[in-house]
Amino acid sequence: MALRDRLLAFLEAYWETHGYGPTLEEIRRHVGLSSRSHVLYHLRALAQEGRVQQEPGKHRTWRPTMRPTSRIAIPLKGVVPASYPDQVDEVVPQELGDLSLPAAWVPARCRFALWVRGDSMIGLGIRPFDIVLVEPVSPEEVRSGDLVVARVKGRNQMTLKQLVQDPKTRTWWLRPAHPELAPVRMDWQTWTLEGRVAFRFGPVRDLGSVTAA
């Protein structure tokens, strides 16, 4: 998904789940831009295209000009803990129904969604009750900095973390975004990747608002 399409999808998701718009900093973190001035540059470009608008002089008012109409169903496969792996119990796989989401939110490779529990990724804007859309990814495809869902092999113990590689040692780590939590070494003999986070939105406390009828 192109950067401006991701930015627009994030605005749509934020307005739908919060009832108001995100800050420039929240947009910056979500789409991976280096500064808020770059966010403004892309928002103004989208405004020139007629895809977003803003109430002058007011914060959190950048919003899409049209509501998404085309929707797609994606299965919600249960809960993913965003906490320290050793502090979570095994997660029982669940079928929580299908989410009915705007098609623009769902990248082509996404296969399922998970409901976040825990606050270890709060520093990257991922909060309890957020929903993450997950696409398959292999160890050869994954990039340092990706948000991933990792599982202990042979168990249902999972965690949502940022996967980073030390440039000197080439060691991979599952890194939380919380000042009180330490990273966990990504031992490929112990861990496997369930997928990579391709989109996220929330928080969603009432699944009835997003599940398909």
Protein backbone atom coordinates (compact mmCIF):
# COMPACT_ATOMS: atom_id res chain seq x y z
CA MET A 1 0.00 0.00 0.00
CA ALA A 2 1.40 3.40 -1.01
CA LEU A 3 2.28 5.83 1.77
CA ARG A 4 -0.59 8.26 1.13
CA ASP A 5 -3.07 5.40 0.87
CA ARG A 6 -1.84 4.12 4.25
CA LEU A 7 -2.15 7.61 5.71
CA LEU A 8 -5.70 7.95 4.40
CA ALA A 9 -6.68 4.50 5.69
CA PHE A 10 -5.28 5.40 9.12
CA LEU A 11 -7.36 8.61 9.18
CA GLU A 12 -10.48 6.64 8.26
CA ALA A 13 -9.82 4.04 10.95
CA TYR A 14 -9.05 6.63 13.61
CA TRP A 15 -12.20 8.66 12.96
CA GLU A 16 -14.34 5.52 12.91
CA THR A 17 -13.03 4.24 16.26
CA HIS A 18 -12.53 7.55 18.12
CA GLY A 19 -14.94 10.05 16.64
CA TYR A 20 -12.17 12.62 16.17
CA GLY A 21 -8.88 12.81 14.29
CA PRO A 22 -5.34 11.75 15.24
CA THR A 23 -2.53 14.13 16.13
CA LEU A 24 0.26 14.75 13.64
CA GLU A 25 2.58 12.75 15.90
CA GLU A 26 0.24 9.76 15.88
CA ILE A 27 0.10 9.89 12.09
CA ARG A 28 3.89 10.22 11.90
CA ARG A 29 4.44 7.12 14.05
CA HIS A 30 1.86 5.07 12.22
CA VAL A 31 3.10 5.67 8.67
CA GLY A 32 6.80 5.85 9.61
CA LEU A 33 7.64 9.41 8.57
CA SER A 34 10.62 11.20 10.06
CA SER A 35 8.91 14.44 11.09
CA ARG A 36 5.53 16.10 11.52
CA SER A 37 6.39 18.53 8.73
CA HIS A 38 6.50 15.55 6.37
CA VAL A 39 3.08 14.51 7.65
CA LEU A 40 1.73 17.98 6.85
CA TYR A 41 3.27 17.81 3.38
CA HIS A 42 1.40 14.60 2.56
CA LEU A 43 -1.85 15.77 4.19
CA ARG A 44 -1.79 18.96 2.11
CA ALA A 45 -1.12 16.90 -1.02
CA LEU A 46 -4.11 14.70 -0.19
CA ALA A 47 -6.18 17.84 0.40
CA GLN A 48 -5.23 19.15 -3.05
CA GLU A 49 -6.45 15.82 -4.46
CA GLY A 50 -9.75 16.30 -2.62
CA ARG A 51 -9.27 13.23 -0.42
CA VAL A 52 -8.94 14.95 2.98
CA GLN A 53 -9.96 18.23 4.57
CA GLN A 54 -9.29 20.19 7.77
CA GLU A 55 -11.17 22.72 9.85
CA PRO A 56 -8.82 25.75 9.88
CA GLY A 57 -7.17 26.52 13.20
CA LYS A 58 -8.40 23.37 14.93
CA HIS A 59 -6.37 20.37 16.04
CA ARG A 60 -7.31 16.77 15.25
CA THR A 61 -9.60 17.80 12.41
CA TRP A 62 -7.84 16.31 9.37
CA ARG A 63 -10.40 13.84 8.05
CA PRO A 64 -11.29 12.00 4.85
CA THR A 65 -13.77 13.76 2.60
CA MET A 66 -15.67 10.53 1.89
CA ARG A 67 -16.62 7.55 4.01
CA PRO A 68 -15.41 4.17 2.72
CA THR A 69 -18.18 2.14 1.10
CA SER A 70 -16.60 -1.13 -0.11
CA ARG A 71 -16.10 -3.55 2.79
CA ILE A 72 -14.37 -6.89 3.24
CA ALA A 73 -14.66 -9.67 5.85
CA ILE A 74 -11.52 -10.85 7.65
CA PRO A 75 -11.51 -13.47 10.44
CA LEU A 76 -10.68 -12.41 13.99
CA LYS A 77 -8.59 -15.31 15.30
CA GLY A 78 -8.46 -14.33 18.97
CA VAL A 79 -6.20 -12.41 21.31
CA VAL A 80 -2.49 -11.58 21.03
CA PRO A 81 -0.65 -10.53 24.21
CA ALA A 82 1.48 -7.39 24.00
CA SER A 83 3.37 -8.08 27.22
CA TYR A 84 6.61 -9.76 28.28
CA PRO A 85 6.51 -13.31 26.84
CA ASP A 86 7.43 -14.99 30.12
CA GLN A 87 4.54 -13.21 31.84
CA VAL A 88 1.72 -14.49 29.65
CA ASP A 89 -0.15 -17.77 29.68
CA GLU A 90 -0.66 -19.82 26.58
CA VAL A 91 -3.31 -18.30 24.35
CA VAL A 92 -6.23 -20.53 23.47
CA PRO A 93 -7.01 -20.14 19.73
CA GLN A 94 -10.44 -18.62 19.26
CA GLU A 95 -12.76 -17.90 16.37
CA LEU A 96 -14.35 -14.56 17.26
CA GLY A 97 -16.18 -14.13 13.98
CA ASP A 98 -15.43 -12.01 10.93
CA LEU A 99 -14.65 -8.32 11.05
CA SER A 100 -16.43 -6.18 8.47
CA LEU A 101 -13.83 -3.57 7.50
CA PRO A 102 -13.40 -1.01 4.72
CA ALA A 103 -11.53 -2.72 1.91
CA ALA A 104 -8.91 0.06 1.89
CA TRP A 105 -7.83 -0.90 5.41
CA VAL A 106 -7.00 -4.50 4.47
CA PRO A 107 -3.75 -5.03 2.51
CA ALA A 108 -3.98 -7.76 -0.12
CA ARG A 109 -1.91 -10.34 1.79
CA CYS A 110 -3.72 -10.03 5.13
CA ARG A 111 -5.25 -13.32 6.25
CA PHE A 112 -6.54 -12.67 9.78
CA ALA A 113 -6.84 -10.18 12.64
CA LEU A 114 -5.94 -10.35 16.35
CA TRP A 115 -7.19 -8.39 19.36
CA VAL A 116 -4.39 -6.84 21.45
CA ARG A 117 -4.05 -7.31 25.20
CA GLY A 118 -1.31 -5.66 27.26
CA ASP A 119 0.63 -2.42 26.98
CA SER A 120 4.18 -3.40 26.08
CA MET A 121 3.87 -1.65 22.69
CA ILE A 122 2.35 1.57 23.99
CA GLY A 123 5.42 3.54 22.88
CA LEU A 124 4.56 2.77 19.25
CA GLY A 125 0.92 3.70 19.73
CA ILE A 126 -0.42 0.14 20.11
CA ARG A 127 -2.81 -0.01 23.05
CA PRO A 128 -4.96 -2.64 24.75
CA PHE A 129 -8.04 -3.50 22.66
CA ASP A 130 -6.44 -2.36 19.40
CA ILE A 131 -6.92 -4.71 16.46
CA VAL A 132 -3.99 -5.71 14.26
CA LEU A 133 -4.31 -7.13 10.76
CA VAL A 134 -1.68 -9.78 10.08
CA GLU A 135 -0.06 -10.90 6.84
CA PRO A 136 2.20 -13.93 6.41
CA VAL A 137 5.94 -13.30 6.47
CA SER A 138 8.98 -15.59 6.31
CA PRO A 139 12.33 -15.06 8.07
CA GLU A 140 13.77 -14.18 4.66
CA GLU A 141 11.16 -11.46 4.03
CA VAL A 142 11.06 -9.82 7.45
CA ARG A 143 12.84 -6.49 7.92
CA SER A 144 14.37 -4.96 11.01
CA GLY A 145 11.75 -2.68 12.55
CA ASP A 146 8.73 -4.74 11.48
CA LEU A 147 5.94 -5.32 13.98
CA VAL A 148 5.42 -9.07 14.21
CA VAL A 149 3.40 -11.70 15.99
CA ALA A 150 5.85 -14.34 17.25
CA ARG A 151 4.97 -17.72 18.78
CA VAL A 152 6.99 -20.20 20.80
CA LYS A 153 7.27 -23.34 18.67
CA GLY A 154 5.02 -26.16 19.81
CA ARG A 155 3.01 -23.89 22.09
CA ASN A 156 0.31 -21.26 21.81
CA GLN A 157 2.43 -18.71 23.69
CA MET A 158 2.48 -15.61 21.49
CA THR A 159 3.57 -12.02 21.73
CA LEU A 160 3.30 -8.84 19.67
CA LYS A 161 6.66 -7.06 19.40
CA GLN A 162 8.95 -5.08 17.10
CA LEU A 163 11.52 -7.33 15.48
CA VAL A 164 14.91 -5.64 15.27
CA GLN A 165 18.37 -6.81 14.23
CA ASP A 166 21.58 -5.67 15.90
CA PRO A 167 23.70 -4.33 13.00
CA LYS A 168 26.95 -5.47 14.65
CA THR A 169 26.11 -8.97 15.86
CA ARG A 170 23.29 -9.65 13.37
CA THR A 171 21.28 -10.99 16.31
CA TRP A 172 17.49 -10.60 16.13
CA TRP A 173 15.50 -9.30 19.09
CA LEU A 174 11.82 -9.02 19.98
CA ARG A 175 11.72 -5.49 21.34
CA PRO A 176 8.90 -3.98 23.39
CA ALA A 177 8.05 -0.30 23.27
CA HIS A 178 7.82 0.12 27.03
CA PRO A 179 10.49 1.57 29.34
CA GLU A 180 10.07 -1.14 31.99
CA LEU A 181 10.44 -4.13 29.68
CA ALA A 182 13.59 -5.63 28.17
CA PRO A 183 13.93 -7.15 24.70
CA VAL A 184 13.90 -10.91 24.18
CA ARG A 185 16.37 -12.62 21.89
CA MET A 186 14.65 -14.03 18.79
CA ASP A 187 16.11 -17.55 18.75
CA TRP A 188 14.83 -19.01 15.48
CA GLN A 189 15.08 -22.51 16.99
CA THR A 190 12.59 -21.47 19.69
CA TRP A 191 10.37 -18.89 18.01
CA THR A 192 8.39 -18.83 14.80
CA LEU A 193 6.65 -15.95 13.05
CA GLU A 194 2.87 -16.04 12.85
CA GLY A 195 2.95 -12.95 10.67
CA ARG A 196 3.69 -9.26 10.28
CA VAL A 197 1.34 -6.43 11.27
CA ALA A 198 0.16 -4.74 8.07
CA PHE A 199 -2.47 -2.43 9.57
CA ARG A 200 -3.85 -1.58 12.99
CA PHE A 201 -6.71 0.41 14.46
CA GLY A 202 -8.60 0.86 17.69
CA PRO A 203 -9.14 0.63 20.51
CA VAL A 204 -12.22 -1.54 19.97
CA ARG A 205 -13.89 -2.63 23.19
CA ASP A 206 -17.18 -3.69 21.61
CA LEU A 207 -16.64 -6.21 18.83
CA GLY A 208 -20.25 -5.79 17.78
CA SER A 209 -19.30 -2.48 16.22
CA VAL A 210 -16.94 -4.10 13.70
CA THR A 211 -18.08 -7.72 13.28
CA ALA A 212 -20.00 -8.80 10.24
CA ALA A 213 -23.70 -9.47 10.67
